[in-house]
């Protein structure tokens, strides 16, 4: 058995348990608070993160944790969990079932384990380095589309691209693709990994928004990282696509440098 398997099992279990907790608040007209950056937070976010932290810290007391709502624990640890208890809180508070619970494990600076659970859809996508990527227990891979003009591209908020200097890049990617869609957040990255769309991108992301996706996309035969082709969760942006389409996508982005 891989030494990563116990970590992956715990990530899946914690994501599932926290996700089921959030369903108790979902579609109940829950009232959010707004943080300094104008993003919403609810009691469900806080309770779900507290549950995940309790589970992970009990199972792995020498591991660090960084989460959206409660900050960082043991920042110098070699193993660090990256937690977003509700990715897509805007969707969550509007009763849209595309929000997710995201958990990634970073070991010596590389994401090696990841689980993304979407409670409103009861979908779990998970992976560990060398273990493959799975969607509800079935092995999954990115789509084998050869050209961007037959690809579906998604994003979370199209209004953000101009705001963060990526407007021209987004327009070029959109014009080159077959179809554009939205309401995505972390679900869009899971859609790429499971072969349902070919490209997902956001011009602004926090590490916890991206936590599980490098290993999920890597094990699914795809790419997750920054807009320059480097696998990372720390670039304050996100891009996921297939290895086949990545060169074409990066050329379009580079051609649109400067926003």
Protein backbone atom coordinates (compact mmCIF):
# COMPACT_ATOMS: atom_id res chain seq x y z
CA UNK A 1 0.00 0.00 0.00
CA UNK A 2 1.23 3.48 -0.84
CA UNK A 3 2.39 5.55 2.13
CA UNK A 4 0.01 8.24 0.85
CA UNK A 5 -3.11 6.05 1.11
CA UNK A 6 -3.86 6.78 4.81
CA UNK A 7 -3.61 10.51 4.08
CA UNK A 8 -5.92 10.18 1.09
CA UNK A 9 -8.42 8.11 3.05
CA UNK A 10 -8.52 10.75 5.77
CA UNK A 11 -8.92 13.58 3.26
CA UNK A 12 -11.86 11.81 1.60
CA UNK A 13 -13.52 11.05 4.93
CA UNK A 14 -13.08 14.58 6.30
CA UNK A 15 -14.31 16.20 3.08
CA UNK A 16 -17.36 13.96 3.02
CA UNK A 17 -18.24 14.49 6.67
CA UNK A 18 -17.83 18.27 6.41
CA UNK A 19 -19.83 18.30 3.20
CA UNK A 20 -22.74 16.48 4.79
CA UNK A 21 -22.63 19.02 7.62
CA UNK A 22 -22.99 21.89 5.14
CA UNK A 23 -26.11 20.30 3.65
CA UNK A 24 -27.89 21.01 6.92
CA UNK A 25 -27.59 24.72 6.07
CA UNK A 26 -27.93 24.52 2.29
CA UNK A 27 -31.02 26.05 0.66
CA UNK A 28 -32.22 27.37 4.03
CA UNK A 29 -31.95 31.09 3.17
CA UNK A 30 -28.83 31.28 5.33
CA UNK A 31 -27.62 34.85 5.91
CA UNK A 32 -23.93 35.44 5.18
CA UNK A 33 -21.55 37.88 6.78
CA UNK A 34 -19.11 39.75 4.54
CA UNK A 35 -15.38 39.80 5.19
CA UNK A 36 -13.02 42.72 4.55
CA UNK A 37 -12.50 41.58 0.94
CA UNK A 38 -16.30 41.55 0.40
CA UNK A 39 -16.45 37.75 0.18
CA UNK A 40 -19.25 36.02 2.10
CA UNK A 41 -18.83 33.63 5.02
CA UNK A 42 -21.47 31.67 6.92
CA UNK A 43 -21.78 29.61 10.06
CA UNK A 44 -21.60 26.56 7.79
CA UNK A 45 -18.13 27.58 6.53
CA UNK A 46 -16.86 27.93 10.09
CA UNK A 47 -18.40 24.74 11.43
CA UNK A 48 -17.18 22.71 8.45
CA UNK A 49 -13.61 23.97 8.78
CA UNK A 50 -13.63 23.35 12.53
CA UNK A 51 -14.75 19.77 11.89
CA UNK A 52 -12.05 19.18 9.26
CA UNK A 53 -9.33 20.61 11.49
CA UNK A 54 -10.45 18.46 14.40
CA UNK A 55 -10.32 15.32 12.27
CA UNK A 56 -6.95 16.08 10.69
CA UNK A 57 -5.24 17.29 13.86
CA UNK A 58 -6.44 14.22 15.76
CA UNK A 59 -5.21 11.86 13.04
CA UNK A 60 -1.92 13.66 12.30
CA UNK A 61 -0.92 15.86 15.25
CA UNK A 62 2.46 16.76 13.74
CA UNK A 63 0.93 18.06 10.49
CA UNK A 64 0.27 21.70 9.76
CA UNK A 65 -3.06 23.09 8.57
CA UNK A 66 -3.92 26.25 6.69
CA UNK A 67 -7.57 27.09 6.16
CA UNK A 68 -9.62 29.96 4.83
CA UNK A 69 -11.50 30.70 8.05
CA UNK A 70 -9.07 29.85 10.88
CA UNK A 71 -5.61 30.55 9.51
CA UNK A 72 -2.47 28.51 9.96
CA UNK A 73 -1.37 25.85 12.44
CA UNK A 74 2.21 24.51 12.61
CA UNK A 75 3.44 26.51 9.58
CA UNK A 76 6.91 24.89 9.61
CA UNK A 77 5.59 21.31 9.39
CA UNK A 78 6.78 19.19 6.45
CA UNK A 79 3.20 18.00 5.88
CA UNK A 80 0.59 20.73 5.59
CA UNK A 81 -3.13 20.42 4.89
CA UNK A 82 -4.76 23.10 2.72
CA UNK A 83 -8.47 23.47 3.56
CA UNK A 84 -11.41 25.32 2.06
CA UNK A 85 -14.57 24.28 3.94
CA UNK A 86 -16.92 25.80 1.35
CA UNK A 87 -15.41 26.75 -1.96
CA UNK A 88 -18.07 28.74 -3.79
CA UNK A 89 -19.83 30.34 -0.82
CA UNK A 90 -21.63 32.72 -3.20
CA UNK A 91 -23.21 29.68 -4.88
CA UNK A 92 -23.89 28.08 -1.50
CA UNK A 93 -25.83 31.04 -0.10
CA UNK A 94 -27.88 31.28 -3.33
CA UNK A 95 -28.84 27.62 -3.16
CA UNK A 96 -26.78 26.60 -6.20
CA UNK A 97 -25.34 23.08 -5.70
CA UNK A 98 -21.93 23.67 -7.31
CA UNK A 99 -20.03 24.50 -4.11
CA UNK A 100 -17.39 22.15 -2.75
CA UNK A 101 -15.25 21.10 0.19
CA UNK A 102 -11.58 21.15 -0.81
CA UNK A 103 -8.71 19.43 1.02
CA UNK A 104 -5.15 19.07 -0.21
CA UNK A 105 -2.00 17.75 1.47
CA UNK A 106 1.29 19.46 0.70
CA UNK A 107 4.42 17.45 1.52
CA UNK A 108 7.73 19.28 1.35
CA UNK A 109 6.17 21.94 -0.88
CA UNK A 110 4.32 19.66 -3.35
CA UNK A 111 0.63 18.75 -3.30
CA UNK A 112 0.56 14.94 -3.05
CA UNK A 113 -3.02 14.21 -1.96
CA UNK A 114 -6.29 15.91 -2.80
CA UNK A 115 -10.03 15.47 -2.30
CA UNK A 116 -12.83 17.67 -3.63
CA UNK A 117 -16.37 16.87 -2.50
CA UNK A 118 -19.45 18.58 -3.91
CA UNK A 119 -22.22 17.85 -1.39
CA UNK A 120 -25.14 19.27 -3.38
CA UNK A 121 -24.30 16.84 -6.19
CA UNK A 122 -22.82 14.04 -4.03
CA UNK A 123 -19.71 13.96 -6.23
CA UNK A 124 -16.25 13.16 -4.88
CA UNK A 125 -13.09 13.63 -6.96
CA UNK A 126 -9.83 12.55 -5.34
CA UNK A 127 -6.24 11.61 -6.11
CA UNK A 128 -2.86 10.76 -4.62
CA UNK A 129 0.49 10.87 -6.36
CA UNK A 130 0.96 7.53 -8.11
CA UNK A 131 -2.51 6.38 -7.07
CA UNK A 132 -4.56 7.77 -9.94
CA UNK A 133 -7.53 10.14 -10.00
CA UNK A 134 -11.04 8.93 -9.17
CA UNK A 135 -14.54 10.31 -9.58
CA UNK A 136 -17.05 8.64 -7.26
CA UNK A 137 -14.83 5.58 -7.12
CA UNK A 138 -14.25 5.28 -10.88
CA UNK A 139 -10.89 6.04 -12.47
CA UNK A 140 -11.11 9.27 -14.48
CA UNK A 141 -9.01 11.20 -16.95
CA UNK A 142 -9.08 14.46 -18.84
CA UNK A 143 -10.78 14.59 -22.22
CA UNK A 144 -8.75 13.81 -25.35
CA UNK A 145 -9.85 16.89 -27.34
CA UNK A 146 -7.16 17.86 -29.86
CA UNK A 147 -8.02 21.50 -30.55
CA UNK A 148 -9.35 24.39 -28.50
CA UNK A 149 -12.03 25.14 -31.11
CA UNK A 150 -13.80 21.97 -29.95
CA UNK A 151 -13.24 22.66 -26.25
CA UNK A 152 -15.51 23.96 -23.49
CA UNK A 153 -14.00 26.66 -21.28
CA UNK A 154 -15.30 27.83 -17.91
CA UNK A 155 -14.55 30.40 -15.23
CA UNK A 156 -15.99 31.58 -11.94
CA UNK A 157 -16.65 35.26 -12.69
CA UNK A 158 -15.96 36.72 -16.17
CA UNK A 159 -15.98 40.22 -14.71
CA UNK A 160 -12.77 39.52 -12.83
CA UNK A 161 -10.54 39.15 -15.89
CA UNK A 162 -10.42 42.84 -16.77
CA UNK A 163 -10.16 43.74 -13.09
CA UNK A 164 -7.00 41.64 -12.68
CA UNK A 165 -5.32 42.47 -15.99
CA UNK A 166 -6.33 39.29 -17.82
CA UNK A 167 -9.14 40.65 -19.96
CA UNK A 168 -7.48 40.23 -23.36
CA UNK A 169 -6.23 36.75 -22.45
CA UNK A 170 -9.73 35.69 -21.44
CA UNK A 171 -11.26 37.09 -24.62
CA UNK A 172 -8.74 35.22 -26.77
CA UNK A 173 -9.35 31.97 -24.92
CA UNK A 174 -13.11 32.48 -25.18
CA UNK A 175 -13.06 33.29 -28.88
CA UNK A 176 -10.82 30.30 -29.61
CA UNK A 177 -13.05 27.82 -27.77
CA UNK A 178 -16.24 26.06 -28.80
CA UNK A 179 -18.41 27.01 -25.79
CA UNK A 180 -18.14 29.10 -22.62
CA UNK A 181 -19.87 28.49 -19.29
CA UNK A 182 -19.69 29.59 -15.64
CA UNK A 183 -20.97 29.11 -12.03
CA UNK A 184 -17.83 27.06 -11.54
CA UNK A 185 -15.41 27.83 -8.67
CA UNK A 186 -13.66 24.57 -7.72
CA UNK A 187 -16.24 22.53 -9.59
CA UNK A 188 -14.80 23.75 -12.88
CA UNK A 189 -11.41 22.25 -12.07
CA UNK A 190 -13.10 18.97 -11.17
CA UNK A 191 -14.93 19.09 -14.51
CA UNK A 192 -11.60 19.26 -16.33
CA UNK A 193 -10.18 16.34 -14.34
CA UNK A 194 -13.23 14.18 -15.07
CA UNK A 195 -13.25 14.93 -18.80
CA UNK A 196 -16.43 16.98 -18.91
CA UNK A 197 -14.83 20.25 -20.00
CA UNK A 198 -11.34 21.06 -21.31
CA UNK A 199 -10.34 24.38 -19.73
CA UNK A 200 -11.01 26.21 -16.47
CA UNK A 201 -9.31 29.43 -15.46
CA UNK A 202 -9.52 32.16 -12.85
CA UNK A 203 -7.43 35.35 -12.67
CA UNK A 204 -7.53 35.42 -8.86
CA UNK A 205 -7.35 32.50 -6.41
CA UNK A 206 -6.19 31.86 -2.86
CA UNK A 207 -4.14 28.76 -1.98
CA UNK A 208 -7.11 27.10 -0.28
CA UNK A 209 -9.19 27.57 -3.47
CA UNK A 210 -6.59 25.46 -5.28
CA UNK A 211 -5.45 22.99 -2.58
CA UNK A 212 -6.34 19.58 -4.06
CA UNK A 213 -6.17 20.41 -7.75
CA UNK A 214 -2.47 20.01 -8.69
CA UNK A 215 -2.48 16.31 -7.81
CA UNK A 216 -6.03 15.73 -9.07
CA UNK A 217 -5.21 17.17 -12.51
CA UNK A 218 -1.74 15.60 -12.60
CA UNK A 219 -3.11 12.12 -11.89
CA UNK A 220 -5.92 12.66 -14.40
CA UNK A 221 -3.39 13.42 -17.14
CA UNK A 222 -3.89 17.17 -17.06
CA UNK A 223 -2.39 20.37 -15.68
CA UNK A 224 -3.22 22.72 -12.83
CA UNK A 225 -1.11 25.74 -11.99
CA UNK A 226 -0.48 29.34 -12.94
CA UNK A 227 -1.02 31.04 -16.29
CA UNK A 228 2.63 30.51 -17.25
CA UNK A 229 2.71 26.72 -17.06
CA UNK A 230 4.10 26.23 -13.52
CA UNK A 231 2.31 23.84 -11.17
CA UNK A 232 1.54 25.83 -8.01
CA UNK A 233 -1.26 26.91 -5.67
CA UNK A 234 0.51 30.13 -4.69
CA UNK A 235 0.33 32.22 -7.88
CA UNK A 236 -2.94 33.97 -6.92
CA UNK A 237 -4.44 32.60 -10.16
CA UNK A 238 -5.51 29.23 -11.52
CA UNK A 239 -5.55 27.36 -14.81
CA UNK A 240 -6.53 23.76 -15.54
CA UNK A 241 -6.51 22.03 -18.89
CA UNK A 242 -5.28 18.92 -20.66
CA UNK A 243 -1.64 18.33 -21.49
CA UNK A 244 -2.61 18.26 -25.16
CA UNK A 245 -4.21 21.72 -25.10
CA UNK A 246 -1.79 23.34 -22.65
CA UNK A 247 0.71 24.61 -25.27
CA UNK A 248 -2.08 26.21 -27.31
CA UNK A 249 -3.62 27.76 -24.19
CA UNK A 250 -0.29 29.19 -23.03
CA UNK A 251 0.39 30.65 -26.49
CA UNK A 252 -2.95 32.45 -26.42
CA UNK A 253 -2.26 33.78 -22.93
CA UNK A 254 1.21 34.96 -23.86
CA UNK A 255 -0.14 36.64 -26.98
CA UNK A 256 -2.49 38.59 -24.76
CA UNK A 257 0.15 39.69 -22.24
CA UNK A 258 -0.63 42.99 -20.63
CA UNK A 259 -4.37 42.34 -20.15
